[in-house]
Amino acid sequence: MTIPRTLKRCFTRRRRIEGERGLAMVETAIVLPLLALLMGGIVEYGTLWRDNLTVTTSSRAAARVVSNLGDDHLADYEAILSLDAALSTIDGFTIEGVLIYNAAASDGEPDSSCFDAGGDPQGSAGLCNYFSASEVAGMAAVDCSASCTEFPNNGNCAGGMSVNFCPQSARETDQSAGTTNVGVWVRIKRSYFTGIFPGDGVTITDRTVMQIEPDGL
């Protein structure tokens, strides 16, 4: 039996179409994971950039509060509240430490004594007040509207959380004497949520230094 030429062409075209479909499926199986990886990387990088910017604006907001309050005994209290509120917009992060410190160094960095041998922040007499993650988280529950033991108004911060770099005794607000430069240093651990990058997250560190506003301004 002789197959008409027209039918032969139909069979050939059908096999070609089926072959092209199979090739398209193979190409899709190769491209889709790469595309998903690319999109996930863009999303992860974009949110990391956003969160890094949030940490920067948070440290600036806290430093601005410290600068405005100067030698007020609640300066650090109000600064930590401001910092915590600003950081709350970040998802999946852990505070690794906050320093409010005397930024007397020319580069604005905290003194080396504000860090232990492992590089973790710590308090240092006359130089920096350290606030842990739990202290920052619990600050909203501290009521200093009248008085509070955490930030006492006793002239030297004795018994309080700001005793190492006491606003009332260690921060100069007299312009003629040279006002104090105060810094806010913060470090957080931000977890990855796409699972694309190796590791469990990235560390974001930022600091802001401002001069205390002189009395009367």
N, C-alpha and C. Protein backbone atom coordinates (compact mmCIF):
# COMPACT_ATOMS: atom_id res chain seq x y z
N MET A 1 0.85 -1.19 0.00
CA MET A 1 0.00 0.00 0.00
C MET A 1 0.88 1.23 0.00
N THR A 2 0.62 2.13 -0.82
CA THR A 2 1.41 3.36 -0.95
C THR A 2 0.75 4.48 -0.15
N ILE A 3 1.53 5.10 0.76
CA ILE A 3 1.00 6.21 1.56
C ILE A 3 1.11 7.49 0.74
N PRO A 4 0.01 8.20 0.61
CA PRO A 4 0.03 9.44 -0.17
C PRO A 4 1.06 10.43 0.41
N ARG A 5 1.61 11.19 -0.52
CA ARG A 5 2.62 12.17 -0.13
C ARG A 5 2.09 13.17 0.90
N THR A 6 0.86 13.52 0.81
CA THR A 6 0.25 14.48 1.74
C THR A 6 0.25 13.95 3.16
N LEU A 7 -0.11 12.62 3.30
CA LEU A 7 -0.10 12.01 4.63
C LEU A 7 1.30 11.91 5.20
N LYS A 8 2.27 11.65 4.32
CA LYS A 8 3.65 11.60 4.79
C LYS A 8 4.07 12.94 5.39
N ARG A 9 3.68 14.00 4.70
CA ARG A 9 4.03 15.33 5.21
C ARG A 9 3.36 15.59 6.56
N CYS A 10 2.12 15.14 6.71
CA CYS A 10 1.39 15.31 7.98
C CYS A 10 2.09 14.57 9.11
N PHE A 11 2.48 13.29 8.82
CA PHE A 11 3.17 12.51 9.85
C PHE A 11 4.50 13.16 10.24
N THR A 12 5.23 13.64 9.24
CA THR A 12 6.53 14.28 9.50
C THR A 12 6.35 15.54 10.33
N ARG A 13 5.34 16.36 10.00
CA ARG A 13 5.07 17.59 10.75
C ARG A 13 4.68 17.28 12.19
N ARG A 14 3.88 16.24 12.38
CA ARG A 14 3.44 15.88 13.73
C ARG A 14 4.61 15.44 14.58
N ARG A 15 5.50 14.61 13.97
CA ARG A 15 6.68 14.19 14.73
C ARG A 15 7.56 15.38 15.09
N ARG A 16 7.65 16.34 14.16
CA ARG A 16 8.46 17.52 14.42
C ARG A 16 7.87 18.34 15.58
N ILE A 17 6.56 18.51 15.57
CA ILE A 17 5.89 19.27 16.63
C ILE A 17 6.06 18.59 17.98
N GLU A 18 5.88 17.25 17.99
CA GLU A 18 6.06 16.51 19.24
C GLU A 18 7.49 16.61 19.74
N GLY A 19 8.43 16.59 18.83
CA GLY A 19 9.84 16.73 19.20
C GLY A 19 10.13 18.10 19.78
N GLU A 20 9.52 19.14 19.17
CA GLU A 20 9.71 20.48 19.67
C GLU A 20 9.10 20.66 21.05
N ARG A 21 7.95 20.00 21.27
CA ARG A 21 7.33 20.06 22.59
C ARG A 21 8.22 19.41 23.64
N GLY A 22 8.80 18.28 23.30
CA GLY A 22 9.70 17.60 24.23
C GLY A 22 10.92 18.44 24.54
N LEU A 23 11.46 19.10 23.50
CA LEU A 23 12.61 19.97 23.69
C LEU A 23 12.25 21.16 24.57
N ALA A 24 11.07 21.71 24.36
CA ALA A 24 10.62 22.86 25.17
C ALA A 24 10.49 22.47 26.63
N MET A 25 10.00 21.25 26.89
CA MET A 25 9.87 20.80 28.26
C MET A 25 11.23 20.65 28.93
N VAL A 26 12.20 20.13 28.19
CA VAL A 26 13.55 19.98 28.71
C VAL A 26 14.15 21.35 29.03
N GLU A 27 13.98 22.29 28.09
CA GLU A 27 14.51 23.63 28.28
C GLU A 27 13.86 24.31 29.49
N THR A 28 12.55 24.11 29.64
CA THR A 28 11.84 24.69 30.77
C THR A 28 12.35 24.12 32.08
N ALA A 29 12.58 22.80 32.10
CA ALA A 29 13.07 22.15 33.32
C ALA A 29 14.45 22.68 33.71
N ILE A 30 15.24 23.10 32.72
CA ILE A 30 16.57 23.63 33.00
C ILE A 30 16.50 25.10 33.43
N VAL A 31 15.66 25.87 32.75
CA VAL A 31 15.62 27.31 32.96
C VAL A 31 14.87 27.71 34.23
N LEU A 32 13.78 27.01 34.55
CA LEU A 32 12.95 27.41 35.68
C LEU A 32 13.72 27.46 37.01
N PRO A 33 14.51 26.44 37.36
CA PRO A 33 15.26 26.53 38.62
C PRO A 33 16.24 27.70 38.63
N LEU A 34 16.88 27.95 37.50
CA LEU A 34 17.81 29.08 37.41
C LEU A 34 17.06 30.40 37.58
N LEU A 35 15.89 30.49 36.96
CA LEU A 35 15.09 31.70 37.07
C LEU A 35 14.60 31.90 38.51
N ALA A 36 14.18 30.81 39.15
CA ALA A 36 13.74 30.90 40.54
C ALA A 36 14.89 31.33 41.45
N LEU A 37 16.09 30.80 41.17
CA LEU A 37 17.28 31.16 41.95
C LEU A 37 17.59 32.65 41.78
N LEU A 38 17.50 33.12 40.55
CA LEU A 38 17.76 34.53 40.26
C LEU A 38 16.75 35.43 40.96
N MET A 39 15.48 35.08 40.87
CA MET A 39 14.44 35.90 41.49
C MET A 39 14.58 35.89 43.01
N GLY A 40 14.88 34.71 43.58
CA GLY A 40 15.08 34.64 45.02
C GLY A 40 16.25 35.48 45.48
N GLY A 41 17.33 35.47 44.69
CA GLY A 41 18.50 36.28 45.02
C GLY A 41 18.19 37.76 44.97
N ILE A 42 17.41 38.17 44.00
CA ILE A 42 17.02 39.57 43.88
C ILE A 42 16.19 40.00 45.08
N VAL A 43 15.24 39.15 45.47
CA VAL A 43 14.38 39.45 46.62
C VAL A 43 15.21 39.53 47.91
N GLU A 44 16.10 38.54 48.10
CA GLU A 44 16.91 38.51 49.32
C GLU A 44 17.83 39.72 49.40
N TYR A 45 18.50 40.01 48.28
CA TYR A 45 19.43 41.15 48.27
C TYR A 45 18.67 42.46 48.47
N GLY A 46 17.51 42.57 47.84
CA GLY A 46 16.73 43.79 47.98
C GLY A 46 16.27 44.04 49.40
N THR A 47 15.82 42.99 50.09
CA THR A 47 15.37 43.16 51.46
C THR A 47 16.55 43.40 52.40
N LEU A 48 17.69 42.80 52.10
CA LEU A 48 18.88 43.07 52.91
C LEU A 48 19.30 44.53 52.78
N TRP A 49 19.25 45.04 51.57
CA TRP A 49 19.59 46.46 51.35
C TRP A 49 18.62 47.35 52.11
N ARG A 50 17.33 47.01 52.06
CA ARG A 50 16.32 47.78 52.78
C ARG A 50 16.56 47.73 54.29
N ASP A 51 16.86 46.54 54.81
CA ASP A 51 17.06 46.39 56.25
C ASP A 51 18.34 47.08 56.71
N ASN A 52 19.37 47.08 55.86
CA ASN A 52 20.59 47.79 56.19
C ASN A 52 20.32 49.29 56.31
N LEU A 53 19.50 49.79 55.41
CA LEU A 53 19.11 51.20 55.46
C LEU A 53 18.29 51.49 56.72
N THR A 54 17.45 50.55 57.11
CA THR A 54 16.64 50.71 58.33
C THR A 54 17.53 50.79 59.57
N VAL A 55 18.56 49.96 59.63
CA VAL A 55 19.49 50.01 60.76
C VAL A 55 20.19 51.37 60.81
N THR A 56 20.56 51.89 59.65
CA THR A 56 21.21 53.20 59.59
C THR A 56 20.29 54.30 60.10
N THR A 57 19.05 54.31 59.61
CA THR A 57 18.11 55.34 60.05
C THR A 57 17.76 55.18 61.53
N SER A 58 17.78 53.94 62.02
CA SER A 58 17.48 53.69 63.43
C SER A 58 18.57 54.25 64.33
N SER A 59 19.82 54.02 63.96
CA SER A 59 20.92 54.55 64.77
C SER A 59 20.94 56.07 64.72
N ARG A 60 20.58 56.65 63.58
CA ARG A 60 20.52 58.10 63.47
C ARG A 60 19.42 58.68 64.35
N ALA A 61 18.27 58.01 64.36
CA ALA A 61 17.16 58.48 65.19
C ALA A 61 17.53 58.44 66.66
N ALA A 62 18.19 57.35 67.08
CA ALA A 62 18.60 57.23 68.48
C ALA A 62 19.65 58.28 68.84
N ALA A 63 20.61 58.49 67.96
CA ALA A 63 21.65 59.49 68.21
C ALA A 63 21.06 60.89 68.29
N ARG A 64 20.05 61.14 67.49
CA ARG A 64 19.40 62.45 67.52
C ARG A 64 18.72 62.69 68.86
N VAL A 65 18.12 61.63 69.40
CA VAL A 65 17.47 61.74 70.71
C VAL A 65 18.50 62.05 71.79
N VAL A 66 19.62 61.31 71.77
CA VAL A 66 20.68 61.53 72.76
C VAL A 66 21.23 62.95 72.65
N SER A 67 21.42 63.40 71.41
CA SER A 67 21.94 64.74 71.18
C SER A 67 21.01 65.80 71.73
N ASN A 68 19.71 65.62 71.50
CA ASN A 68 18.73 66.60 71.95
C ASN A 68 18.60 66.64 73.47
N LEU A 69 18.64 65.46 74.12
CA LEU A 69 18.43 65.40 75.56
C LEU A 69 19.69 65.73 76.35
N GLY A 70 20.86 65.57 75.73
CA GLY A 70 22.10 65.97 76.37
C GLY A 70 22.36 65.28 77.70
N ASP A 71 22.38 66.08 78.79
CA ASP A 71 22.70 65.51 80.10
C ASP A 71 21.45 65.12 80.90
N ASP A 72 20.33 65.00 80.25
CA ASP A 72 19.12 64.52 80.92
C ASP A 72 19.32 63.06 81.33
N HIS A 73 18.88 62.70 82.53
CA HIS A 73 19.11 61.34 83.02
C HIS A 73 18.36 60.28 82.22
N LEU A 74 17.37 60.69 81.42
CA LEU A 74 16.59 59.74 80.61
C LEU A 74 17.06 59.70 79.15
N ALA A 75 18.20 60.28 78.86
CA ALA A 75 18.68 60.36 77.48
C ALA A 75 18.80 58.97 76.84
N ASP A 76 19.46 58.05 77.53
CA ASP A 76 19.66 56.70 76.97
C ASP A 76 18.34 55.93 76.90
N TYR A 77 17.50 56.12 77.89
CA TYR A 77 16.19 55.47 77.92
C TYR A 77 15.37 55.84 76.69
N GLU A 78 15.28 57.13 76.42
CA GLU A 78 14.51 57.59 75.26
C GLU A 78 15.17 57.15 73.95
N ALA A 79 16.49 57.13 73.92
CA ALA A 79 17.20 56.72 72.71
C ALA A 79 16.95 55.25 72.39
N ILE A 80 16.97 54.39 73.40
CA ILE A 80 16.72 52.96 73.18
C ILE A 80 15.28 52.73 72.74
N LEU A 81 14.34 53.46 73.33
CA LEU A 81 12.95 53.34 72.88
C LEU A 81 12.82 53.70 71.41
N SER A 82 13.48 54.79 71.01
CA SER A 82 13.43 55.21 69.61
C SER A 82 14.07 54.18 68.70
N LEU A 83 15.21 53.64 69.11
CA LEU A 83 15.91 52.63 68.31
C LEU A 83 15.06 51.38 68.14
N ASP A 84 14.49 50.90 69.23
CA ASP A 84 13.69 49.68 69.19
C ASP A 84 12.47 49.84 68.29
N ALA A 85 11.82 50.99 68.36
CA ALA A 85 10.65 51.24 67.52
C ALA A 85 11.02 51.26 66.04
N ALA A 86 12.17 51.85 65.72
CA ALA A 86 12.59 51.93 64.32
C ALA A 86 13.01 50.56 63.78
N LEU A 87 13.65 49.74 64.61
CA LEU A 87 14.11 48.42 64.17
C LEU A 87 12.97 47.42 64.03
N SER A 88 11.82 47.71 64.62
CA SER A 88 10.71 46.76 64.63
C SER A 88 10.14 46.48 63.24
N THR A 89 10.51 47.30 62.27
CA THR A 89 10.02 47.08 60.89
C THR A 89 10.79 45.97 60.18
N ILE A 90 11.89 45.50 60.77
CA ILE A 90 12.69 44.44 60.17
C ILE A 90 12.17 43.08 60.64
N ASP A 91 12.03 42.15 59.71
CA ASP A 91 11.57 40.80 60.05
C ASP A 91 12.77 39.86 60.24
N GLY A 92 12.66 38.96 61.19
CA GLY A 92 13.66 37.91 61.37
C GLY A 92 15.03 38.40 61.75
N PHE A 93 15.11 39.27 62.78
CA PHE A 93 16.42 39.75 63.20
C PHE A 93 16.58 39.61 64.70
N THR A 94 17.83 39.61 65.14
CA THR A 94 18.17 39.56 66.56
C THR A 94 19.19 40.64 66.85
N ILE A 95 18.93 41.44 67.87
CA ILE A 95 19.90 42.46 68.27
C ILE A 95 21.08 41.78 68.97
N GLU A 96 22.27 42.09 68.53
CA GLU A 96 23.47 41.53 69.15
C GLU A 96 24.11 42.51 70.13
N GLY A 97 23.63 43.72 70.17
CA GLY A 97 24.14 44.68 71.14
C GLY A 97 23.99 46.11 70.66
N VAL A 98 23.83 47.01 71.63
CA VAL A 98 23.74 48.44 71.36
C VAL A 98 24.70 49.15 72.32
N LEU A 99 25.44 50.09 71.79
CA LEU A 99 26.33 50.92 72.61
C LEU A 99 25.94 52.38 72.46
N ILE A 100 25.87 53.09 73.57
CA ILE A 100 25.80 54.54 73.57
C ILE A 100 27.10 54.99 74.21
N TYR A 101 27.92 55.70 73.46
CA TYR A 101 29.30 55.87 73.87
C TYR A 101 29.84 57.28 73.64
N ASN A 102 30.95 57.54 74.31
CA ASN A 102 31.67 58.80 74.15
C ASN A 102 32.48 58.71 72.85
N ALA A 103 32.06 59.46 71.86
CA ALA A 103 32.70 59.39 70.54
C ALA A 103 33.82 60.44 70.43
N ALA A 104 34.79 60.33 71.33
CA ALA A 104 35.88 61.30 71.35
C ALA A 104 36.94 61.01 70.29
N ALA A 105 36.99 59.78 69.79
CA ALA A 105 38.00 59.41 68.78
C ALA A 105 37.73 60.16 67.47
N SER A 106 38.80 60.46 66.76
CA SER A 106 38.67 61.22 65.52
C SER A 106 37.86 60.50 64.46
N ASP A 107 37.88 59.16 64.49
CA ASP A 107 37.12 58.41 63.50
C ASP A 107 35.70 58.08 63.97
N GLY A 108 35.37 58.50 65.18
CA GLY A 108 34.02 58.28 65.69
C GLY A 108 33.73 56.88 66.17
N GLU A 109 34.71 55.98 66.15
CA GLU A 109 34.50 54.60 66.57
C GLU A 109 34.49 54.50 68.09
N PRO A 110 33.75 53.52 68.63
CA PRO A 110 33.80 53.30 70.08
C PRO A 110 35.21 52.90 70.51
N ASP A 111 35.55 53.22 71.74
CA ASP A 111 36.85 52.83 72.28
C ASP A 111 36.98 51.31 72.28
N SER A 112 38.19 50.82 72.13
CA SER A 112 38.42 49.37 72.07
C SER A 112 37.97 48.66 73.34
N SER A 113 37.95 49.38 74.47
CA SER A 113 37.51 48.77 75.72
C SER A 113 36.01 48.49 75.73
N CYS A 114 35.29 49.01 74.74
CA CYS A 114 33.85 48.77 74.64
C CYS A 114 33.54 47.42 73.99
N PHE A 115 34.58 46.64 73.70
CA PHE A 115 34.42 45.31 73.11
C PHE A 115 35.30 44.33 73.85
N ASP A 116 34.80 43.10 74.01
CA ASP A 116 35.61 42.09 74.67
C ASP A 116 36.57 41.45 73.67
N ALA A 117 37.30 40.44 74.11
CA ALA A 117 38.30 39.80 73.25
C ALA A 117 37.69 39.17 72.01
N GLY A 118 36.43 38.77 72.10
CA GLY A 118 35.75 38.16 70.95
C GLY A 118 35.08 39.16 70.03
N GLY A 119 35.20 40.46 70.34
CA GLY A 119 34.60 41.49 69.50
C GLY A 119 33.15 41.82 69.84
N ASP A 120 32.65 41.25 70.94
CA ASP A 120 31.28 41.55 71.35
C ASP A 120 31.25 42.81 72.21
N PRO A 121 30.19 43.61 72.09
CA PRO A 121 30.12 44.86 72.84
C PRO A 121 29.97 44.63 74.33
N GLN A 122 30.48 45.58 75.11
CA GLN A 122 30.38 45.52 76.56
C GLN A 122 30.47 46.94 77.11
N GLY A 123 30.06 47.11 78.36
CA GLY A 123 30.18 48.41 78.99
C GLY A 123 31.62 48.70 79.38
N SER A 124 31.95 49.99 79.44
CA SER A 124 33.30 50.40 79.83
C SER A 124 33.19 51.70 80.61
N ALA A 125 33.80 51.74 81.79
CA ALA A 125 33.67 52.87 82.69
C ALA A 125 34.08 54.19 82.03
N GLY A 126 33.16 55.14 82.07
CA GLY A 126 33.44 56.47 81.54
C GLY A 126 33.35 56.58 80.03
N LEU A 127 33.12 55.44 79.34
CA LEU A 127 33.20 55.47 77.89
C LEU A 127 31.95 54.99 77.16
N CYS A 128 31.34 53.91 77.63
CA CYS A 128 30.20 53.39 76.87
C CYS A 128 29.23 52.60 77.73
N ASN A 129 27.97 52.79 77.43
CA ASN A 129 26.90 52.01 78.04
C ASN A 129 26.46 50.94 77.07
N TYR A 130 26.39 49.70 77.55
CA TYR A 130 26.00 48.56 76.71
C TYR A 130 24.59 48.12 77.07
N PHE A 131 23.80 47.85 76.03
CA PHE A 131 22.44 47.36 76.20
C PHE A 131 22.29 46.07 75.40
N SER A 132 21.92 45.01 76.09
CA SER A 132 21.76 43.70 75.45
C SER A 132 20.43 43.63 74.72
N ALA A 133 20.24 42.54 73.99
CA ALA A 133 18.99 42.35 73.25
C ALA A 133 17.80 42.32 74.20
N SER A 134 17.94 41.61 75.31
CA SER A 134 16.83 41.51 76.27
C SER A 134 16.54 42.86 76.93
N GLU A 135 17.57 43.64 77.17
CA GLU A 135 17.37 44.97 77.77
C GLU A 135 16.67 45.91 76.80
N VAL A 136 17.04 45.83 75.53
CA VAL A 136 16.38 46.66 74.52
C VAL A 136 14.92 46.24 74.39
N ALA A 137 14.68 44.93 74.33
CA ALA A 137 13.31 44.43 74.18
C ALA A 137 12.45 44.79 75.37
N GLY A 138 13.04 44.81 76.57
CA GLY A 138 12.27 45.09 77.77
C GLY A 138 12.12 46.56 78.10
N MET A 139 12.76 47.41 77.30
CA MET A 139 12.74 48.84 77.61
C MET A 139 11.34 49.43 77.56
N ALA A 140 10.50 48.92 76.68
CA ALA A 140 9.14 49.45 76.56
C ALA A 140 8.33 49.22 77.83
N ALA A 141 8.72 48.21 78.60
CA ALA A 141 7.99 47.90 79.84
C ALA A 141 8.49 48.73 81.02
N VAL A 142 9.59 49.45 80.83
CA VAL A 142 10.13 50.29 81.89
C VAL A 142 9.38 51.61 81.92
N ASP A 143 8.84 51.97 83.03
CA ASP A 143 8.07 53.21 83.15
C ASP A 143 8.90 54.25 83.89
N CYS A 144 9.37 55.24 83.14
CA CYS A 144 10.17 56.32 83.73
C CYS A 144 9.41 57.64 83.71
N SER A 145 8.10 57.57 83.60
CA SER A 145 7.30 58.79 83.52
C SER A 145 7.44 59.63 84.80
N ALA A 146 7.57 58.98 85.95
CA ALA A 146 7.79 59.70 87.20
C ALA A 146 9.23 59.52 87.64
N SER A 147 9.61 58.28 87.91
CA SER A 147 11.00 57.94 88.25
C SER A 147 11.19 56.46 88.01
N CYS A 148 12.43 56.04 87.83
CA CYS A 148 12.70 54.62 87.59
C CYS A 148 14.10 54.30 88.07
N THR A 149 14.26 53.11 88.59
CA THR A 149 15.57 52.70 89.11
C THR A 149 16.56 52.43 87.99
N GLU A 150 16.05 52.09 86.80
CA GLU A 150 16.95 51.80 85.67
C GLU A 150 17.71 53.04 85.20
N PHE A 151 17.05 54.18 85.31
CA PHE A 151 17.68 55.45 84.90
C PHE A 151 17.39 56.50 85.98
N PRO A 152 18.07 56.38 87.12
CA PRO A 152 17.78 57.25 88.27
C PRO A 152 18.31 58.67 88.06
N ASN A 153 17.58 59.61 88.66
CA ASN A 153 17.99 61.01 88.59
C ASN A 153 18.76 61.37 89.86
N ASN A 154 19.97 60.78 89.97
CA ASN A 154 20.75 61.00 91.18
C ASN A 154 22.10 61.68 90.93
N GLY A 155 22.27 62.20 89.73
CA GLY A 155 23.47 62.97 89.43
C GLY A 155 24.64 62.18 88.90
N ASN A 156 24.71 60.90 89.22
CA ASN A 156 25.84 60.09 88.73
C ASN A 156 25.41 58.74 88.19
N CYS A 157 24.09 58.55 88.01
CA CYS A 157 23.52 57.32 87.43
C CYS A 157 23.81 56.07 88.24
N ALA A 158 24.19 56.24 89.51
CA ALA A 158 24.54 55.10 90.35
C ALA A 158 23.38 54.11 90.42
N GLY A 159 23.70 52.84 90.18
CA GLY A 159 22.69 51.80 90.23
C GLY A 159 21.86 51.67 88.98
N GLY A 160 22.10 52.51 88.00
CA GLY A 160 21.30 52.49 86.79
C GLY A 160 22.02 51.89 85.59
N MET A 161 21.37 51.87 84.46
CA MET A 161 21.91 51.26 83.24
C MET A 161 22.86 52.19 82.50
N SER A 162 22.88 53.48 82.85
CA SER A 162 23.75 54.44 82.16
C SER A 162 24.95 54.84 83.00
N VAL A 163 25.28 54.03 84.00
CA VAL A 163 26.30 54.43 84.96
C VAL A 163 27.69 54.57 84.34
N ASN A 164 28.02 53.77 83.34
CA ASN A 164 29.36 53.83 82.75
C ASN A 164 29.63 55.13 81.98
N PHE A 165 28.63 55.61 81.28
CA PHE A 165 28.75 56.86 80.52
C PHE A 165 27.53 57.70 80.88
N CYS A 166 27.54 58.18 82.12
CA CYS A 166 26.39 58.85 82.71
C CYS A 166 26.11 60.19 82.04
N PRO A 167 24.89 60.41 81.59
CA PRO A 167 24.56 61.69 80.94
C PRO A 167 24.82 62.88 81.85
N GLN A 168 24.48 62.77 83.13
CA GLN A 168 24.56 63.92 84.03
C GLN A 168 25.99 64.29 84.44
N SER A 169 26.87 63.30 84.44
CA SER A 169 28.23 63.58 84.91
C SER A 169 29.30 63.48 83.84
N ALA A 170 29.00 62.84 82.70
CA ALA A 170 30.04 62.60 81.70
C ALA A 170 29.75 63.23 80.34
N ARG A 171 28.64 63.95 80.22
CA ARG A 171 28.30 64.55 78.93
C ARG A 171 28.20 66.06 79.08
N GLU A 172 29.10 66.73 78.40
CA GLU A 172 29.20 68.19 78.51
C GLU A 172 28.21 68.86 77.56
N THR A 173 27.43 69.80 78.12
CA THR A 173 26.46 70.54 77.30
C THR A 173 26.79 72.03 77.22
N ASP A 174 27.87 72.44 77.88
CA ASP A 174 28.29 73.84 77.86
C ASP A 174 29.16 74.08 76.62
N GLN A 175 28.68 74.90 75.74
CA GLN A 175 29.40 75.12 74.48
C GLN A 175 30.78 75.71 74.70
N SER A 176 30.93 76.56 75.69
CA SER A 176 32.23 77.18 75.95
C SER A 176 33.26 76.16 76.43
N ALA A 177 32.77 75.09 77.04
CA ALA A 177 33.68 74.04 77.52
C ALA A 177 33.91 72.96 76.47
N GLY A 178 33.12 72.99 75.41
CA GLY A 178 33.25 71.98 74.35
C GLY A 178 32.31 70.82 74.59
N THR A 179 31.21 70.81 73.87
CA THR A 179 30.20 69.78 74.09
C THR A 179 30.71 68.40 73.67
N THR A 180 30.09 67.38 74.24
CA THR A 180 30.51 65.99 74.02
C THR A 180 29.92 65.44 72.72
N ASN A 181 30.72 64.66 72.02
CA ASN A 181 30.22 63.90 70.88
C ASN A 181 29.75 62.53 71.38
N VAL A 182 28.51 62.21 71.07
CA VAL A 182 27.93 60.95 71.52
C VAL A 182 27.63 60.08 70.31
N GLY A 183 27.94 58.79 70.42
CA GLY A 183 27.68 57.86 69.34
C GLY A 183 26.70 56.78 69.74
N VAL A 184 25.96 56.29 68.77
CA VAL A 184 25.08 55.13 68.96
C VAL A 184 25.53 54.05 67.98
N TRP A 185 25.93 52.93 68.53
CA TRP A 185 26.43 51.79 67.74
C TRP A 185 25.46 50.65 67.92
N VAL A 186 25.06 50.02 66.81
CA VAL A 186 24.11 48.90 66.89
C VAL A 186 24.54 47.79 65.95
N ARG A 187 24.36 46.56 66.39
CA ARG A 187 24.65 45.40 65.54
C ARG A 187 23.51 44.40 65.67
N ILE A 188 23.02 43.95 64.51
CA ILE A 188 21.95 42.96 64.51
C ILE A 188 22.35 41.78 63.63
N LYS A 189 21.71 40.63 63.88
CA LYS A 189 21.86 39.46 63.03
C LYS A 189 20.53 39.27 62.30
N ARG A 190 20.58 39.38 61.01
CA ARG A 190 19.37 39.28 60.19
C ARG A 190 19.37 37.95 59.48
N SER A 191 18.35 37.12 59.70
CA SER A 191 18.28 35.78 59.13
C SER A 191 17.90 35.84 57.65
N TYR A 192 18.43 34.88 56.86
CA TYR A 192 17.96 34.71 55.49
C TYR A 192 16.60 34.04 55.52
N PHE A 193 15.73 34.42 54.58
CA PHE A 193 14.43 33.76 54.54
C PHE A 193 14.17 33.04 53.23
N THR A 194 15.07 33.16 52.26
CA THR A 194 14.88 32.42 51.01
C THR A 194 15.63 31.11 51.00
N GLY A 195 16.67 30.98 51.83
CA GLY A 195 17.46 29.76 51.86
C GLY A 195 18.41 29.62 50.69
N ILE A 196 18.57 30.68 49.93
CA ILE A 196 19.43 30.63 48.74
C ILE A 196 20.91 30.76 49.12
N PHE A 197 21.20 31.70 49.99
CA PHE A 197 22.59 31.94 50.36
C PHE A 197 23.03 30.99 51.47
N PRO A 198 24.29 30.63 51.51
CA PRO A 198 24.77 29.74 52.58
C PRO A 198 24.79 30.46 53.92
N GLY A 199 24.70 29.71 54.99
CA GLY A 199 24.70 30.31 56.32
C GLY A 199 23.29 30.59 56.81
N ASP A 200 23.23 31.13 58.02
CA ASP A 200 21.93 31.38 58.64
C ASP A 200 21.55 32.85 58.66
N GLY A 201 22.38 33.70 58.08
CA GLY A 201 22.02 35.12 58.03
C GLY A 201 23.24 36.00 57.86
N VAL A 202 23.01 37.30 57.99
CA VAL A 202 24.08 38.28 57.81
C VAL A 202 24.07 39.25 58.98
N THR A 203 25.25 39.71 59.36
CA THR A 203 25.38 40.69 60.44
C THR A 203 25.40 42.09 59.87
N ILE A 204 24.57 42.96 60.42
CA ILE A 204 24.52 44.36 59.98
C ILE A 204 24.93 45.24 61.16
N THR A 205 25.93 46.07 60.94
CA THR A 205 26.43 46.98 61.97
C THR A 205 26.40 48.41 61.46
N ASP A 206 26.00 49.31 62.34
CA ASP A 206 25.99 50.72 61.95
C ASP A 206 26.22 51.58 63.18
N ARG A 207 26.69 52.78 62.96
CA ARG A 207 26.88 53.73 64.06
C ARG A 207 26.62 55.14 63.55
N THR A 208 26.18 55.99 64.45
CA THR A 208 25.96 57.41 64.15
C THR A 208 26.53 58.24 65.28
N VAL A 209 27.24 59.28 64.94
CA VAL A 209 27.82 60.18 65.94
C VAL A 209 27.23 61.58 65.76
N MET A 210 26.81 62.17 66.87
CA MET A 210 26.30 63.54 66.86
C MET A 210 26.84 64.30 68.06
N GLN A 211 26.97 65.58 67.88
CA GLN A 211 27.40 66.44 68.98
C GLN A 211 26.19 66.81 69.83
N ILE A 212 26.36 66.74 71.15
CA ILE A 212 25.27 67.14 72.04
C ILE A 212 24.94 68.60 71.81
N GLU A 213 23.67 68.91 71.73
CA GLU A 213 23.24 70.28 71.54
C GLU A 213 23.53 71.09 72.81
N PRO A 214 24.15 72.23 72.66
CA PRO A 214 24.48 73.04 73.85
C PRO A 214 23.23 73.51 74.57
N ASP A 215 23.37 73.76 75.87
CA ASP A 215 22.27 74.28 76.67
C ASP A 215 21.78 75.60 76.09
N GLY A 216 20.48 75.75 76.09
CA GLY A 216 19.89 77.00 75.63
C GLY A 216 19.59 77.05 74.16
N LEU A 217 19.95 75.96 73.37
CA LEU A 217 19.69 75.95 71.94
C LEU A 217 18.52 75.05 71.65
